[in-house]
C-alpha atoms as a PDB file:
ATOM      1  CA  MET A   1      29.114  -1.184  -0.068  1.00  0.00           C
ATOM      2  CA  GLY A   2      28.957  -4.854   1.793  1.00  0.00           C
ATOM      3  CA  ILE A   3      24.954  -4.401   3.079  1.00  0.00           C
ATOM      4  CA  THR A   4      22.360  -6.878   1.701  1.00  0.00           C
ATOM      5  CA  ARG A   5      19.053  -5.823   0.130  1.00  0.00           C
ATOM      6  CA  GLU A   6      17.189  -7.185   3.277  1.00  0.00           C
ATOM      7  CA  THR A   7      19.360  -5.290   5.530  1.00  0.00           C
ATOM      8  CA  ALA A   8      18.985  -1.947   3.596  1.00  0.00           C
ATOM      9  CA  ALA A   9      14.571  -2.362   3.614  1.00  0.00           C
ATOM     10  CA  GLU A  10      15.321  -2.721   6.657  1.00  0.00           C
ATOM     11  CA  PHE A  11      17.145   0.259   7.411  1.00  0.00           C
ATOM     12  CA  THR A  12      14.337   2.229   5.201  1.00  0.00           C
ATOM     13  CA  PHE A  13      11.979   0.900   7.221  1.00  0.00           C
ATOM     14  CA  LEU A  14      13.271   2.162  10.166  1.00  0.00           C
ATOM     15  CA  LEU A  15      14.290   5.416   9.109  1.00  0.00           C
ATOM     16  CA  SER A  16       9.852   6.251   8.201  1.00  0.00           C
ATOM     17  CA  THR A  17       9.419   5.325  11.650  1.00  0.00           C
ATOM     18  CA  PRO A  18      10.014   8.667  12.782  1.00  0.00           C
ATOM     19  CA  ILE A  19       8.502  10.874   9.981  1.00  0.00           C
ATOM     20  CA  ILE A  20       5.355   8.227  10.029  1.00  0.00           C
ATOM     21  CA  LEU A  21       4.868   8.817  13.497  1.00  0.00           C
ATOM     22  CA  GLY A  22       5.510  12.589  13.482  1.00  0.00           C
ATOM     23  CA  ASP A  23       2.808  13.108  10.552  1.00  0.00           C
ATOM     24  CA  ALA A  24       0.397  11.095  12.944  1.00  0.00           C
ATOM     25  CA  ARG A  25       1.251  13.263  16.029  1.00  0.00           C
ATOM     26  CA  TYR A  26       0.442  15.876  13.421  1.00  0.00           C
ATOM     27  CA  HIS A  27      -2.576  14.739  12.303  1.00  0.00           C
ATOM     28  CA  LEU A  28      -3.997  13.951  15.692  1.00  0.00           C
ATOM     29  CA  LEU A  29      -3.206  17.176  16.677  1.00  0.00           C
ATOM     30  CA  LYS A  30      -4.541  18.970  13.825  1.00  0.00           C
ATOM     31  CA  LEU A  31      -8.315  16.308  14.371  1.00  0.00           C
ATOM     32  CA  HIS A  32      -7.818  17.993  18.204  1.00  0.00           C
ATOM     33  CA  THR A  33      -8.135  21.829  17.354  1.00  0.00           C
ATOM     34  CA  ASP A  34     -10.382  21.445  14.100  1.00  0.00           C
ATOM     35  CA  SER A  35     -13.954  21.525  15.675  1.00  0.00           C
ATOM     36  CA  ALA A  36     -15.396  20.010  12.220  1.00  0.00           C
ATOM     37  CA  ALA A  37     -13.136  17.566  11.490  1.00  0.00           C
ATOM     38  CA  SER A  38     -13.800  16.375  15.534  1.00  0.00           C
ATOM     39  CA  ALA A  39     -17.189  16.393  14.856  1.00  0.00           C
ATOM     40  CA  ASP A  40     -16.513  14.220  11.723  1.00  0.00           C
ATOM     41  CA  LEU A  41     -15.094  12.080  14.063  1.00  0.00           C
ATOM     42  CA  SER A  42     -17.581  11.803  16.493  1.00  0.00           C
ATOM     43  CA  ALA A  43     -19.834  11.031  13.689  1.00  0.00           C
ATOM     44  CA  VAL A  44     -18.691   7.758  12.885  1.00  0.00           C
ATOM     45  CA  GLY A  45     -17.887   6.303  16.105  1.00  0.00           C
ATOM     46  CA  GLY A  46     -15.080   8.741  18.060  1.00  0.00           C
ATOM     47  CA  SER A  47     -11.897   7.561  19.474  1.00  0.00           C
ATOM     48  CA  ALA A  48     -13.445   3.872  19.281  1.00  0.00           C
ATOM     49  CA  ALA A  49     -12.893   4.117  15.337  1.00  0.00           C
ATOM     50  CA  MET A  50      -9.844   5.549  15.498  1.00  0.00           C
ATOM     51  CA  ILE A  51      -8.219   3.437  17.627  1.00  0.00           C
ATOM     52  CA  VAL A  52      -9.460   0.429  15.015  1.00  0.00           C
ATOM     53  CA  GLY A  53      -7.879   2.584  12.009  1.00  0.00           C
ATOM     54  CA  ILE A  54      -4.734   2.696  13.986  1.00  0.00           C
ATOM     55  CA  ILE A  55      -4.694  -1.285  15.210  1.00  0.00           C
ATOM     56  CA  VAL A  56      -5.377  -2.201  11.261  1.00  0.00           C
ATOM     57  CA  SER A  57      -3.283   0.351   9.538  1.00  0.00           C
ATOM     58  CA  ALA A  58      -0.108  -1.490  11.695  1.00  0.00           C
ATOM     59  CA  VAL A  59      -1.197  -4.827  10.823  1.00  0.00           C
ATOM     60  CA  VAL A  60      -1.493  -4.598   7.330  1.00  0.00           C
ATOM     61  CA  GLY A  61       1.742  -2.268   7.373  1.00  0.00           C
ATOM     62  CA  LEU A  62       3.649  -4.554   9.635  1.00  0.00           C
ATOM     63  CA  ALA A  63       2.221  -7.897   6.644  1.00  0.00           C
ATOM     64  CA  SER A  64       3.108  -5.899   4.130  1.00  0.00           C
ATOM     65  CA  ILE A  65       7.005  -5.184   5.265  1.00  0.00           C
ATOM     66  CA  LYS A  66       7.015  -8.877   5.895  1.00  0.00           C
ATOM     67  CA  PHE A  67       6.042  -9.812   2.705  1.00  0.00           C
ATOM     68  CA  LEU A  68       8.401  -7.550   1.232  1.00  0.00           C
ATOM     69  CA  LEU A  69      11.889  -8.422   3.037  1.00  0.00           C
ATOM     70  CA  ASN A  70      10.679 -12.549   2.323  1.00  0.00           C
ATOM     71  CA  PHE A  71      10.418 -11.063  -1.108  1.00  0.00           C
ATOM     72  CA  LEU A  72      13.850  -9.659  -1.280  1.00  0.00           C
ATOM     73  CA  ARG A  73      15.586 -12.668   0.243  1.00  0.00           C
ATOM     74  CA  LYS A  74      14.608 -14.884  -3.165  1.00  0.00           C
ATOM     75  CA  GLN A  75      13.956 -12.333  -5.743  1.00  0.00           C
ATOM     76  CA  ASN A  76      15.631  -9.408  -7.067  1.00  0.00           C
ATOM     77  CA  LEU A  77      13.634  -6.467  -7.446  1.00  0.00           C
ATOM     78  CA  MET A  78      13.967  -6.854 -11.767  1.00  0.00           C
ATOM     79  CA  SER A  79      10.184  -7.517 -12.059  1.00  0.00           C
ATOM     80  CA  PHE A  80       8.830  -4.819  -9.607  1.00  0.00           C
ATOM     81  CA  SER A  81      10.827  -2.609 -11.580  1.00  0.00           C
ATOM     82  CA  ILE A  82       9.741  -3.190 -15.095  1.00  0.00           C
ATOM     83  CA  TYR A  83       5.984  -3.037 -13.808  1.00  0.00           C
ATOM     84  CA  ARG A  84       6.868   0.516 -11.810  1.00  0.00           C
ATOM     85  CA  PHE A  85       8.057   1.968 -15.558  1.00  0.00           C
ATOM     86  CA  ILE A  86       5.439   0.241 -17.091  1.00  0.00           C
ATOM     87  CA  LEU A  87       3.198   1.924 -15.359  1.00  0.00           C
ATOM     88  CA  GLY A  88       4.583   5.606 -15.340  1.00  0.00           C
ATOM     89  CA  VAL A  89       4.454   5.414 -19.083  1.00  0.00           C
ATOM     90  CA  ILE A  90       0.594   4.349 -18.621  1.00  0.00           C
ATOM     91  CA  VAL A  91       0.007   7.287 -16.147  1.00  0.00           C
ATOM     92  CA  ILE A  92       2.056   9.806 -18.284  1.00  0.00           C
ATOM     93  CA  VAL A  93       0.303   9.098 -21.215  1.00  0.00           C
ATOM     94  CA  LEU A  94      -3.005   9.385 -19.526  1.00  0.00           C
ATOM     95  CA  ALA A  95      -2.328  12.556 -18.286  1.00  0.00           C
ATOM     96  CA  ALA A  96      -1.016  13.682 -21.226  1.00  0.00           C
ATOM     97  CA  ALA A  97      -4.015  12.824 -23.530  1.00  0.00           C
ATOM     98  CA  LYS A  98      -5.671  14.390 -20.231  1.00  0.00           C
ATOM     99  CA  ILE A  99      -7.783  11.329 -19.484  1.00  0.00           C
ATOM    100  CA  ILE A 100      -6.805  11.550 -15.854  1.00  0.00           C
ATOM    101  CA  SER A 101      -5.719  14.728 -14.089  1.00  0.00           C
ATOM    102  CA  CYS A 102      -2.042  14.680 -11.856  1.00  0.00           C
ATOM    103  CA  ASN A 103      -3.437  18.529  -9.760  1.00  0.00           C
ATOM    104  CA  TYR A 104      -2.720  17.771  -6.127  1.00  0.00           C
ATOM    105  CA  ASN A 105      -4.901  20.060  -4.376  1.00  0.00           C
ATOM    106  CA  LYS A 106      -4.887  19.678  -0.786  1.00  0.00           C
ATOM    107  CA  THR A 107      -7.790  21.391   1.288  1.00  0.00           C
END
């Protein structure tokens, strides 16, 4: 298609921005309307704790993106693909042996 891996990765990160912002908005509104969650937030420092969490998440996210883009400039994704394949096989084997549970119950 004529685009580099780096350009494709940058485009992917840009595509994720509206989804991340929408999810953050949804959870902030939910937190605002849920009295139990608001009480939990107040117990850990209130808005200040949330602001620190947002800032730390943004810094770590940007550092991760920078690392991945630098990695893509220098190498291909074969080592990452092999790692993901091996990890997937391990998870499937552990789940089949019922050593781990793959149930996700959202409360």
